[in-house]
Structures are given as structure tokens and as C-alpha cells.
């Protein structure tokens, strides 16, 4: 079992924080809609989540690639960090599709 300071675990925790915040925004939008108001909290939060995830994911991918190359392409931790960074990059844009929400840049 990996320790809590393992890079892949830290990336998973960041992804969980992003998911919790976006689900909170979706709940806020749902309650606002039920009360007759309009809210765009989910789509606004998605923009911030995507930009943050892109930055963190790009750094993780580059660090994992450097780690993997410096160990002469034998380090499983470097590969795990690269894969974790890639999954973090593609995670936020996929959430609206699976939640049935459409956010368009206007």
C-alpha cells in the first residue's frame, strides 16, 4: 500500500478535491434552479478547475518524464507520475459529460 506522500496518491487527492468542489457547485446550481433562480457556478468552477488541473498535470508529467529519464527509463514512480498527471489533465473536462451538464464558452 503506498504511503500518503507517494506522488500518485497526492495526485489522486487533488483530483478528489476537484471533484468535491465541482459536485458542490452542481448541487448549488440544482438548488438554485429548484428555487427558481439561475446560476452558473458549475461552469464557472469548471473553468478554474480545468486551468488548475492543466497546470498541475503539466508539471507532474514533466517531473515524471525527467524522473523516468534520469533513472535510465527504469523507474516505475516516474511512469506513475506521468500517468497520474495525464489523468489529472483529462479528468475535469470529462466531468460535465458524465453528469449531464453542458457548459459552453460564451
PDB file of N, CA and C in Angstrom:
ATOM      1  N   UNK A   1       0.844  -1.174   0.000  1.00  0.00           N
ATOM      2  CA  UNK A   1       0.000   0.000   0.000  1.00  0.00           C
ATOM      3  C   UNK A   1       0.890   1.238   0.000  1.00  0.00           C
ATOM      4  N   UNK A   2       0.686   2.141  -0.937  1.00  0.00           N
ATOM      5  CA  UNK A   2       1.535   3.331  -0.988  1.00  0.00           C
ATOM      6  C   UNK A   2       1.278   4.264   0.194  1.00  0.00           C
ATOM      7  N   UNK A   3       2.350   4.958   0.550  1.00  0.00           N
ATOM      8  CA  UNK A   3       2.210   5.920   1.647  1.00  0.00           C
ATOM      9  C   UNK A   3       1.445   7.150   1.171  1.00  0.00           C
ATOM     10  N   UNK A   4       1.043   7.979   2.111  1.00  0.00           N
ATOM     11  CA  UNK A   4       0.249   9.151   1.753  1.00  0.00           C
ATOM     12  C   UNK A   4       1.080  10.225   1.069  1.00  0.00           C
ATOM     13  N   UNK A   5       2.416  10.069   1.046  1.00  0.00           N
ATOM     14  CA  UNK A   5       3.244  11.054   0.365  1.00  0.00           C
ATOM     15  C   UNK A   5       3.678  10.581  -1.016  1.00  0.00           C
ATOM     16  N   UNK A   6       3.206   9.419  -1.454  1.00  0.00           N
ATOM     17  CA  UNK A   6       3.524   8.920  -2.789  1.00  0.00           C
ATOM     18  C   UNK A   6       2.906   9.852  -3.821  1.00  0.00           C
ATOM     19  N   UNK A   7       3.628  10.182  -4.887  1.00  0.00           N
ATOM     20  CA  UNK A   7       3.108  11.163  -5.856  1.00  0.00           C
ATOM     21  C   UNK A   7       1.750  10.801  -6.450  1.00  0.00           C
ATOM     22  N   UNK A   8       1.532   9.539  -6.766  1.00  0.00           N
ATOM     23  CA  UNK A   8       0.249   9.153  -7.356  1.00  0.00           C
ATOM     24  C   UNK A   8      -0.895   9.341  -6.360  1.00  0.00           C
ATOM     25  N   UNK A   9      -0.629   9.126  -5.082  1.00  0.00           N
ATOM     26  CA  UNK A   9      -1.657   9.318  -4.054  1.00  0.00           C
ATOM     27  C   UNK A   9      -1.976  10.805  -3.916  1.00  0.00           C
ATOM     28  N   UNK A  10      -0.958  11.637  -3.955  1.00  0.00           N
ATOM     29  CA  UNK A  10      -1.168  13.087  -3.857  1.00  0.00           C
ATOM     30  C   UNK A  10      -1.979  13.587  -5.051  1.00  0.00           C
ATOM     31  N   UNK A  11      -1.687  13.095  -6.249  1.00  0.00           N
ATOM     32  CA  UNK A  11      -2.447  13.488  -7.438  1.00  0.00           C
ATOM     33  C   UNK A  11      -3.896  13.011  -7.311  1.00  0.00           C
ATOM     34  N   UNK A  12      -4.101  11.814  -6.775  1.00  0.00           N
ATOM     35  CA  UNK A  12      -5.460  11.322  -6.557  1.00  0.00           C
ATOM     36  C   UNK A  12      -6.226  12.176  -5.569  1.00  0.00           C
ATOM     37  N   UNK A  13      -5.535  12.647  -4.540  1.00  0.00           N
ATOM     38  CA  UNK A  13      -6.189  13.525  -3.572  1.00  0.00           C
ATOM     39  C   UNK A  13      -6.544  14.874  -4.191  1.00  0.00           C
ATOM     40  N   UNK A  14      -5.689  15.383  -5.069  1.00  0.00           N
ATOM     41  CA  UNK A  14      -6.002  16.635  -5.773  1.00  0.00           C
ATOM     42  C   UNK A  14      -7.222  16.438  -6.665  1.00  0.00           C
ATOM     43  N   UNK A  15      -7.282  15.307  -7.368  1.00  0.00           N
ATOM     44  CA  UNK A  15      -8.438  15.017  -8.224  1.00  0.00           C
ATOM     45  C   UNK A  15      -9.716  14.888  -7.390  1.00  0.00           C
ATOM     46  N   UNK A  16      -9.609  14.300  -6.211  1.00  0.00           N
ATOM     47  CA  UNK A  16     -10.782  14.179  -5.336  1.00  0.00           C
ATOM     48  C   UNK A  16     -11.259  15.550  -4.859  1.00  0.00           C
ATOM     49  N   UNK A  17     -10.333  16.440  -4.543  1.00  0.00           N
ATOM     50  CA  UNK A  17     -10.710  17.795  -4.130  1.00  0.00           C
ATOM     51  C   UNK A  17     -11.420  18.514  -5.270  1.00  0.00           C
ATOM     52  N   UNK A  18     -10.892  18.374  -6.489  1.00  0.00           N
ATOM     53  CA  UNK A  18     -11.523  18.997  -7.658  1.00  0.00           C
ATOM     54  C   UNK A  18     -12.940  18.452  -7.840  1.00  0.00           C
ATOM     55  N   UNK A  19     -13.103  17.133  -7.717  1.00  0.00           N
ATOM     56  CA  UNK A  19     -14.429  16.525  -7.889  1.00  0.00           C
ATOM     57  C   UNK A  19     -15.401  16.994  -6.818  1.00  0.00           C
ATOM     58  N   UNK A  20     -14.954  17.090  -5.577  1.00  0.00           N
ATOM     59  CA  UNK A  20     -15.838  17.531  -4.497  1.00  0.00           C
ATOM     60  C   UNK A  20     -16.283  18.973  -4.709  1.00  0.00           C
ATOM     61  N   UNK A  21     -15.362  19.828  -5.120  1.00  0.00           N
ATOM     62  CA  UNK A  21     -15.710  21.235  -5.361  1.00  0.00           C
ATOM     63  C   UNK A  21     -16.698  21.350  -6.518  1.00  0.00           C
ATOM     64  N   UNK A  22     -16.454  20.604  -7.602  1.00  0.00           N
ATOM     65  CA  UNK A  22     -17.368  20.679  -8.745  1.00  0.00           C
ATOM     66  C   UNK A  22     -18.734  20.086  -8.418  1.00  0.00           C
ATOM     67  N   UNK A  23     -18.778  19.032  -7.638  1.00  0.00           N
ATOM     68  CA  UNK A  23     -20.080  18.488  -7.237  1.00  0.00           C
ATOM     69  C   UNK A  23     -20.809  19.443  -6.300  1.00  0.00           C
ATOM     70  N   UNK A  24     -20.070  20.165  -5.478  1.00  0.00           N
ATOM     71  CA  UNK A  24     -20.693  21.198  -4.644  1.00  0.00           C
ATOM     72  C   UNK A  24     -21.281  22.312  -5.491  1.00  0.00           C
ATOM     73  N   UNK A  25     -20.566  22.711  -6.535  1.00  0.00           N
ATOM     74  CA  UNK A  25     -21.094  23.735  -7.453  1.00  0.00           C
ATOM     75  C   UNK A  25     -22.342  23.229  -8.176  1.00  0.00           C
ATOM     76  N   UNK A  26     -22.326  21.951  -8.564  1.00  0.00           N
ATOM     77  CA  UNK A  26     -23.500  21.382  -9.223  1.00  0.00           C
ATOM     78  C   UNK A  26     -24.688  21.333  -8.272  1.00  0.00           C
ATOM     79  N   UNK A  27     -24.445  20.983  -7.019  1.00  0.00           N
ATOM     80  CA  UNK A  27     -25.529  20.976  -6.028  1.00  0.00           C
ATOM     81  C   UNK A  27     -26.080  22.382  -5.828  1.00  0.00           C
ATOM     82  N   UNK A  28     -25.203  23.379  -5.798  1.00  0.00           N
ATOM     83  CA  UNK A  28     -25.646  24.766  -5.670  1.00  0.00           C
ATOM     84  C   UNK A  28     -26.513  25.165  -6.865  1.00  0.00           C
ATOM     85  N   UNK A  29     -26.089  24.789  -8.073  1.00  0.00           N
ATOM     86  CA  UNK A  29     -26.885  25.088  -9.265  1.00  0.00           C
ATOM     87  C   UNK A  29     -28.239  24.390  -9.224  1.00  0.00           C
ATOM     88  N   UNK A  30     -28.275  23.161  -8.739  1.00  0.00           N
ATOM     89  CA  UNK A  30     -29.524  22.404  -8.674  1.00  0.00           C
ATOM     90  C   UNK A  30     -30.496  23.038  -7.686  1.00  0.00           C
ATOM     91  N   UNK A  31     -29.984  23.424  -6.517  1.00  0.00           N
ATOM     92  CA  UNK A  31     -30.839  24.067  -5.514  1.00  0.00           C
ATOM     93  C   UNK A  31     -31.328  25.418  -6.021  1.00  0.00           C
ATOM     94  N   UNK A  32     -30.439  26.188  -6.668  1.00  0.00           N
ATOM     95  CA  UNK A  32     -30.843  27.484  -7.218  1.00  0.00           C
ATOM     96  C   UNK A  32     -31.912  27.307  -8.284  1.00  0.00           C
ATOM     97  N   UNK A  33     -31.776  26.281  -9.124  1.00  0.00           N
ATOM     98  CA  UNK A  33     -32.783  26.006 -10.142  1.00  0.00           C
ATOM     99  C   UNK A  33     -34.108  25.592  -9.547  1.00  0.00           C
ATOM    100  N   UNK A  34     -34.061  24.824  -8.466  1.00  0.00           N
ATOM    101  CA  UNK A  34     -35.296  24.398  -7.806  1.00  0.00           C
ATOM    102  C   UNK A  34     -36.016  25.571  -7.157  1.00  0.00           C
ATOM    103  N   UNK A  35     -35.270  26.584  -6.755  1.00  0.00           N
ATOM    104  CA  UNK A  35     -35.872  27.770  -6.137  1.00  0.00           C
ATOM    105  C   UNK A  35     -36.249  28.838  -7.164  1.00  0.00           C
ATOM    106  N   UNK A  36     -35.990  28.556  -8.447  1.00  0.00           N
ATOM    107  CA  UNK A  36     -36.383  29.483  -9.498  1.00  0.00           C
ATOM    108  C   UNK A  36     -35.310  30.472  -9.914  1.00  0.00           C
ATOM    109  N   UNK A  37     -34.119  30.304  -9.439  1.00  0.00           N
ATOM    110  CA  UNK A  37     -33.021  31.202  -9.818  1.00  0.00           C
ATOM    111  C   UNK A  37     -32.135  30.521 -10.850  1.00  0.00           C
ATOM    112  N   UNK A  38     -31.339  31.296 -11.538  1.00  0.00           N
ATOM    113  CA  UNK A  38     -30.354  30.734 -12.457  1.00  0.00           C
ATOM    114  C   UNK A  38     -28.965  30.945 -11.871  1.00  0.00           C
ATOM    115  N   UNK A  39     -28.135  29.950 -12.047  1.00  0.00           N
ATOM    116  CA  UNK A  39     -26.784  30.016 -11.516  1.00  0.00           C
ATOM    117  C   UNK A  39     -25.847  29.308 -12.479  1.00  0.00           C
ATOM    118  N   UNK A  40     -24.666  29.808 -12.594  1.00  0.00           N
ATOM    119  CA  UNK A  40     -23.653  29.193 -13.449  1.00  0.00           C
ATOM    120  C   UNK A  40     -22.429  28.787 -12.660  1.00  0.00           C
ATOM    121  N   UNK A  41     -22.628  28.411 -11.401  1.00  0.00           N
ATOM    122  CA  UNK A  41     -21.495  28.096 -10.531  1.00  0.00           C
ATOM    123  C   UNK A  41     -20.694  26.903 -11.048  1.00  0.00           C
ATOM    124  N   UNK A  42     -21.374  25.894 -11.573  1.00  0.00           N
ATOM    125  CA  UNK A  42     -20.656  24.712 -12.054  1.00  0.00           C
ATOM    126  C   UNK A  42     -19.756  25.065 -13.233  1.00  0.00           C
ATOM    127  N   UNK A  43     -20.285  25.798 -14.191  1.00  0.00           N
ATOM    128  CA  UNK A  43     -19.492  26.137 -15.367  1.00  0.00           C
ATOM    129  C   UNK A  43     -18.345  27.092 -15.026  1.00  0.00           C
ATOM    130  N   UNK A  44     -18.584  28.001 -14.104  1.00  0.00           N
ATOM    131  CA  UNK A  44     -17.515  28.896 -13.667  1.00  0.00           C
ATOM    132  C   UNK A  44     -16.450  28.107 -12.912  1.00  0.00           C
ATOM    133  N   UNK A  45     -16.878  27.241 -12.019  1.00  0.00           N
ATOM    134  CA  UNK A  45     -15.934  26.409 -11.276  1.00  0.00           C
ATOM    135  C   UNK A  45     -15.165  25.455 -12.167  1.00  0.00           C
ATOM    136  N   UNK A  46     -15.824  24.995 -13.233  1.00  0.00           N
ATOM    137  CA  UNK A  46     -15.161  24.096 -14.169  1.00  0.00           C
ATOM    138  C   UNK A  46     -14.000  24.791 -14.874  1.00  0.00           C
ATOM    139  N   UNK A  47     -14.175  26.061 -15.197  1.00  0.00           N
ATOM    140  CA  UNK A  47     -13.088  26.807 -15.834  1.00  0.00           C
ATOM    141  C   UNK A  47     -11.871  26.909 -14.933  1.00  0.00           C
ATOM    142  N   UNK A  48     -12.097  27.220 -13.672  1.00  0.00           N
ATOM    143  CA  UNK A  48     -10.983  27.295 -12.723  1.00  0.00           C
ATOM    144  C   UNK A  48     -10.372  25.921 -12.465  1.00  0.00           C
ATOM    145  N   UNK A  49     -11.208  24.896 -12.364  1.00  0.00           N
ATOM    146  CA  UNK A  49     -10.700  23.548 -12.121  1.00  0.00           C
ATOM    147  C   UNK A  49      -9.859  23.064 -13.291  1.00  0.00           C
ATOM    148  N   UNK A  50     -10.300  23.364 -14.505  1.00  0.00           N
ATOM    149  CA  UNK A  50      -9.539  22.941 -15.679  1.00  0.00           C
ATOM    150  C   UNK A  50      -8.189  23.635 -15.748  1.00  0.00           C
ATOM    151  N   UNK A  51      -8.174  24.942 -15.527  1.00  0.00           N
ATOM    152  CA  UNK A  51      -6.895  25.646 -15.617  1.00  0.00           C
ATOM    153  C   UNK A  51      -5.931  25.194 -14.523  1.00  0.00           C
ATOM    154  N   UNK A  52      -6.430  24.966 -13.315  1.00  0.00           N
ATOM    155  CA  UNK A  52      -5.569  24.458 -12.248  1.00  0.00           C
ATOM    156  C   UNK A  52      -5.085  23.044 -12.519  1.00  0.00           C
ATOM    157  N   UNK A  53      -5.983  22.192 -13.005  1.00  0.00           N
ATOM    158  CA  UNK A  53      -5.608  20.813 -13.299  1.00  0.00           C
ATOM    159  C   UNK A  53      -4.616  20.747 -14.449  1.00  0.00           C
ATOM    160  N   UNK A  54      -4.778  21.628 -15.446  1.00  0.00           N
ATOM    161  CA  UNK A  54      -3.829  21.644 -16.561  1.00  0.00           C
ATOM    162  C   UNK A  54      -2.432  22.021 -16.072  1.00  0.00           C
ATOM    163  N   UNK A  55      -2.354  23.017 -15.205  1.00  0.00           N
ATOM    164  CA  UNK A  55      -1.048  23.462 -14.708  1.00  0.00           C
ATOM    165  C   UNK A  55      -0.401  22.376 -13.846  1.00  0.00           C
ATOM    166  N   UNK A  56      -1.148  21.820 -12.910  1.00  0.00           N
ATOM    167  CA  UNK A  56      -0.596  20.789 -12.034  1.00  0.00           C
ATOM    168  C   UNK A  56      -0.266  19.531 -12.832  1.00  0.00           C
ATOM    169  N   UNK A  57      -1.134  19.167 -13.750  1.00  0.00           N
ATOM    170  CA  UNK A  57      -0.892  17.979 -14.570  1.00  0.00           C
ATOM    171  C   UNK A  57       0.324  18.123 -15.462  1.00  0.00           C
ATOM    172  N   UNK A  58       0.521  19.295 -16.052  1.00  0.00           N
ATOM    173  CA  UNK A  58       1.699  19.506 -16.904  1.00  0.00           C
ATOM    174  C   UNK A  58       2.984  19.411 -16.092  1.00  0.00           C
ATOM    175  N   UNK A  59       2.966  19.969 -14.896  1.00  0.00           N
ATOM    176  CA  UNK A  59       4.150  19.879 -14.032  1.00  0.00           C
ATOM    177  C   UNK A  59       4.414  18.420 -13.654  1.00  0.00           C
ATOM    178  N   UNK A  60       3.370  17.680 -13.325  1.00  0.00           N
ATOM    179  CA  UNK A  60       3.543  16.275 -12.953  1.00  0.00           C
ATOM    180  C   UNK A  60       4.053  15.443 -14.121  1.00  0.00           C
ATOM    181  N   UNK A  61       3.544  15.705 -15.303  1.00  0.00           N
ATOM    182  CA  UNK A  61       4.007  14.970 -16.480  1.00  0.00           C
ATOM    183  C   UNK A  61       5.480  15.253 -16.736  1.00  0.00           C
ATOM    184  N   UNK A  62       5.889  16.507 -16.664  1.00  0.00           N
ATOM    185  CA  UNK A  62       7.294  16.855 -16.902  1.00  0.00           C
ATOM    186  C   UNK A  62       8.204  16.290 -15.817  1.00  0.00           C
ATOM    187  N   UNK A  63       7.788  16.382 -14.551  1.00  0.00           N
ATOM    188  CA  UNK A  63       8.600  15.820 -13.468  1.00  0.00           C
ATOM    189  C   UNK A  63       8.714  14.302 -13.602  1.00  0.00           C
ATOM    190  N   UNK A  64       7.618  13.647 -13.946  1.00  0.00           N
ATOM    191  CA  UNK A  64       7.651  12.199 -14.141  1.00  0.00           C
ATOM    192  C   UNK A  64       8.539  11.800 -15.292  1.00  0.00           C
ATOM    193  N   UNK A  65       8.498  12.566 -16.374  1.00  0.00           N
ATOM    194  CA  UNK A  65       9.354  12.275 -17.527  1.00  0.00           C
ATOM    195  C   UNK A  65      10.820  12.455 -17.171  1.00  0.00           C
ATOM    196  N   UNK A  66      11.141  13.544 -16.450  1.00  0.00           N
ATOM    197  CA  UNK A  66      12.534  13.751 -16.034  1.00  0.00           C
ATOM    198  C   UNK A  66      12.980  12.665 -15.060  1.00  0.00           C
ATOM    199  N   UNK A  67      12.101  12.291 -14.129  1.00  0.00           N
ATOM    200  CA  UNK A  67      12.434  11.242 -13.172  1.00  0.00           C
ATOM    201  C   UNK A  67      12.680   9.915 -13.879  1.00  0.00           C
ATOM    202  N   UNK A  68      11.840   9.618 -14.846  1.00  0.00           N
ATOM    203  CA  UNK A  68      11.961   8.375 -15.594  1.00  0.00           C
ATOM    204  C   UNK A  68      13.237   8.371 -16.425  1.00  0.00           C
ATOM    205  N   UNK A  69      13.564   9.500 -17.055  1.00  0.00           N
ATOM    206  CA  UNK A  69      14.768   9.586 -17.892  1.00  0.00           C
ATOM    207  C   UNK A  69      16.039   9.542 -17.046  1.00  0.00           C
ATOM    208  N   UNK A  70      16.024  10.168 -15.870  1.00  0.00           N
ATOM    209  CA  UNK A  70      17.229  10.184 -15.036  1.00  0.00           C
ATOM    210  C   UNK A  70      17.551   8.819 -14.441  1.00  0.00           C
ATOM    211  N   UNK A  71      16.575   7.959 -14.346  1.00  0.00           N
ATOM    212  CA  UNK A  71      16.827   6.602 -13.858  1.00  0.00           C
ATOM    213  C   UNK A  71      17.028   5.633 -15.017  1.00  0.00           C
ATOM    214  N   UNK A  72      17.348   6.168 -16.183  1.00  0.00           N
ATOM    215  CA  UNK A  72      17.592   5.385 -17.397  1.00  0.00           C
ATOM    216  C   UNK A  72      16.376   4.548 -17.778  1.00  0.00           C
ATOM    217  N   UNK A  73      15.204   5.153 -17.656  1.00  0.00           N
ATOM    218  CA  UNK A  73      13.928   4.587 -18.087  1.00  0.00           C
ATOM    219  C   UNK A  73      13.572   3.287 -17.357  1.00  0.00           C
ATOM    220  N   UNK A  74      13.917   3.229 -16.053  1.00  0.00           N
ATOM    221  CA  UNK A  74      13.602   2.053 -15.250  1.00  0.00           C
ATOM    222  C   UNK A  74      12.721   2.364 -14.044  1.00  0.00           C
ATOM    223  N   UNK A  75      12.400   3.610 -13.792  1.00  0.00           N
ATOM    224  CA  UNK A  75      11.669   3.982 -12.584  1.00  0.00           C
ATOM    225  C   UNK A  75      10.159   3.863 -12.783  1.00  0.00           C
ATOM    226  N   UNK A  76       9.513   2.981 -12.037  1.00  0.00           N
ATOM    227  CA  UNK A  76       8.052   2.916 -12.145  1.00  0.00           C
ATOM    228  C   UNK A  76       7.377   4.140 -11.508  1.00  0.00           C
ATOM    229  N   UNK A  77       8.078   4.813 -10.593  1.00  0.00           N
ATOM    230  CA  UNK A  77       7.490   6.013  -9.978  1.00  0.00           C
ATOM    231  C   UNK A  77       7.374   7.147 -10.987  1.00  0.00           C
ATOM    232  N   UNK A  78       8.352   7.274 -11.858  1.00  0.00           N
ATOM    233  CA  UNK A  78       8.283   8.306 -12.897  1.00  0.00           C
ATOM    234  C   UNK A  78       7.136   8.066 -13.855  1.00  0.00           C
ATOM    235  N   UNK A  79       6.952   6.817 -14.236  1.00  0.00           N
ATOM    236  CA  UNK A  79       5.841   6.474 -15.135  1.00  0.00           C
ATOM    237  C   UNK A  79       4.509   6.708 -14.428  1.00  0.00           C
ATOM    238  N   UNK A  80       4.428   6.339 -13.152  1.00  0.00           N
ATOM    239  CA  UNK A  80       3.194   6.553 -12.394  1.00  0.00           C
ATOM    240  C   UNK A  80       2.872   8.036 -12.278  1.00  0.00           C
ATOM    241  N   UNK A  81       3.901   8.857 -12.098  1.00  0.00           N
ATOM    242  CA  UNK A  81       3.678  10.302 -12.009  1.00  0.00           C
ATOM    243  C   UNK A  81       3.216  10.869 -13.348  1.00  0.00           C
ATOM    244  N   UNK A  82       3.782  10.383 -14.450  1.00  0.00           N
ATOM    245  CA  UNK A  82       3.339  10.837 -15.775  1.00  0.00           C
ATOM    246  C   UNK A  82       1.890  10.443 -16.041  1.00  0.00           C
ATOM    247  N   UNK A  83       1.536   9.213 -15.737  1.00  0.00           N
ATOM    248  CA  UNK A  83       0.164   8.747 -15.966  1.00  0.00           C
ATOM    249  C   UNK A  83      -0.813   9.499 -15.067  1.00  0.00           C
ATOM    250  N   UNK A  84      -0.416   9.716 -13.819  1.00  0.00           N
ATOM    251  CA  UNK A  84      -1.272  10.472 -12.894  1.00  0.00           C
ATOM    252  C   UNK A  84      -1.490  11.894 -13.379  1.00  0.00           C
ATOM    253  N   UNK A  85      -0.435  12.537 -13.869  1.00  0.00           N
ATOM    254  CA  UNK A  85      -0.564  13.889 -14.406  1.00  0.00           C
ATOM    255  C   UNK A  85      -1.473  13.930 -15.620  1.00  0.00           C
ATOM    256  N   UNK A  86      -1.348  12.926 -16.489  1.00  0.00           N
ATOM    257  CA  UNK A  86      -2.204  12.870 -17.678  1.00  0.00           C
ATOM    258  C   UNK A  86      -3.665  12.679 -17.285  1.00  0.00           C
ATOM    259  N   UNK A  87      -3.925  11.793 -16.325  1.00  0.00           N
ATOM    260  CA  UNK A  87      -5.300  11.582 -15.882  1.00  0.00           C
ATOM    261  C   UNK A  87      -5.877  12.822 -15.211  1.00  0.00           C
ATOM    262  N   UNK A  88      -5.026  13.558 -14.506  1.00  0.00           N
ATOM    263  CA  UNK A  88      -5.488  14.794 -13.878  1.00  0.00           C
ATOM    264  C   UNK A  88      -5.852  15.835 -14.933  1.00  0.00           C
ATOM    265  N   UNK A  89      -5.126  15.847 -16.051  1.00  0.00           N
ATOM    266  CA  UNK A  89      -5.421  16.802 -17.124  1.00  0.00           C
ATOM    267  C   UNK A  89      -6.747  16.481 -17.801  1.00  0.00           C
ATOM    268  N   UNK A  90      -7.047  15.194 -18.017  1.00  0.00           N
ATOM    269  CA  UNK A  90      -8.281  14.855 -18.741  1.00  0.00           C
ATOM    270  C   UNK A  90      -9.491  14.709 -17.830  1.00  0.00           C
ATOM    271  N   UNK A  91      -9.295  14.715 -16.521  1.00  0.00           N
ATOM    272  CA  UNK A  91     -10.400  14.489 -15.576  1.00  0.00           C
ATOM    273  C   UNK A  91     -11.443  15.607 -15.557  1.00  0.00           C
ATOM    274  N   UNK A  92     -11.083  16.888 -15.333  1.00  0.00           N
ATOM    275  CA  UNK A  92     -12.124  17.921 -15.217  1.00  0.00           C
ATOM    276  C   UNK A  92     -12.984  18.135 -16.468  1.00  0.00           C
ATOM    277  N   UNK A  93     -12.432  18.104 -17.680  1.00  0.00           N
ATOM    278  CA  UNK A  93     -13.321  18.297 -18.834  1.00  0.00           C
ATOM    279  C   UNK A  93     -14.307  17.152 -19.062  1.00  0.00           C
ATOM    280  N   UNK A  94     -14.028  15.966 -18.511  1.00  0.00           N
ATOM    281  CA  UNK A  94     -14.940  14.836 -18.691  1.00  0.00           C
ATOM    282  C   UNK A  94     -16.104  14.832 -17.711  1.00  0.00           C
ATOM    283  N   UNK A  95     -15.959  15.522 -16.597  1.00  0.00           N
ATOM    284  CA  UNK A  95     -16.995  15.502 -15.555  1.00  0.00           C
ATOM    285  C   UNK A  95     -18.354  15.990 -16.064  1.00  0.00           C
ATOM    286  N   UNK A  96     -18.443  17.107 -16.796  1.00  0.00           N
ATOM    287  CA  UNK A  96     -19.784  17.552 -17.242  1.00  0.00           C
ATOM    288  C   UNK A  96     -20.496  16.534 -18.126  1.00  0.00           C
ATOM    289  N   UNK A  97     -19.741  15.819 -18.940  1.00  0.00           N
ATOM    290  CA  UNK A  97     -20.358  14.834 -19.821  1.00  0.00           C
ATOM    291  C   UNK A  97     -21.046  13.739 -19.010  1.00  0.00           C
ATOM    292  N   UNK A  98     -20.384  13.252 -17.993  1.00  0.00           N
ATOM    293  CA  UNK A  98     -20.960  12.174 -17.202  1.00  0.00           C
ATOM    294  C   UNK A  98     -22.006  12.640 -16.199  1.00  0.00           C
ATOM    295  N   UNK A  99     -22.015  13.916 -15.880  1.00  0.00           N
ATOM    296  CA  UNK A  99     -23.055  14.460 -15.004  1.00  0.00           C
ATOM    297  C   UNK A  99     -24.242  14.991 -15.787  1.00  0.00           C
ATOM    298  N   UNK A 100     -24.130  15.045 -17.104  1.00  0.00           N
ATOM    299  CA  UNK A 100     -25.233  15.521 -17.928  1.00  0.00           C
ATOM    300  C   UNK A 100     -25.377  17.035 -17.940  1.00  0.00           C
ATOM    301  N   UNK A 101     -24.293  17.744 -17.740  1.00  0.00           N
ATOM    302  CA  UNK A 101     -24.313  19.203 -17.721  1.00  0.00           C
ATOM    303  C   UNK A 101     -23.610  19.691 -18.979  1.00  0.00           C
ATOM    304  N   UNK A 102     -24.140  20.756 -19.579  1.00  0.00           N
ATOM    305  CA  UNK A 102     -23.471  21.331 -20.742  1.00  0.00           C
ATOM    306  C   UNK A 102     -23.003  22.730 -20.416  1.00  0.00           C
ATOM    307  N   UNK A 103     -21.735  22.955 -20.584  1.00  0.00           N
ATOM    308  CA  UNK A 103     -21.141  24.273 -20.369  1.00  0.00           C
ATOM    309  C   UNK A 103     -20.503  24.716 -21.677  1.00  0.00           C
ATOM    310  N   UNK A 104     -20.963  25.834 -22.192  1.00  0.00           N
ATOM    311  CA  UNK A 104     -20.423  26.365 -23.423  1.00  0.00           C
ATOM    312  C   UNK A 104     -19.736  27.680 -23.131  1.00  0.00           C
ATOM    313  N   UNK A 105     -18.573  27.872 -23.738  1.00  0.00           N
ATOM    314  CA  UNK A 105     -17.890  29.157 -23.609  1.00  0.00           C
ATOM    315  C   UNK A 105     -18.665  30.181 -24.439  1.00  0.00           C
ATOM    316  N   UNK A 106     -19.058  31.229 -23.791  1.00  0.00           N
ATOM    317  CA  UNK A 106     -19.906  32.193 -24.480  1.00  0.00           C
ATOM    318  C   UNK A 106     -19.213  33.450 -24.714  1.00  0.00           C
TER     319      UNK A 106
END
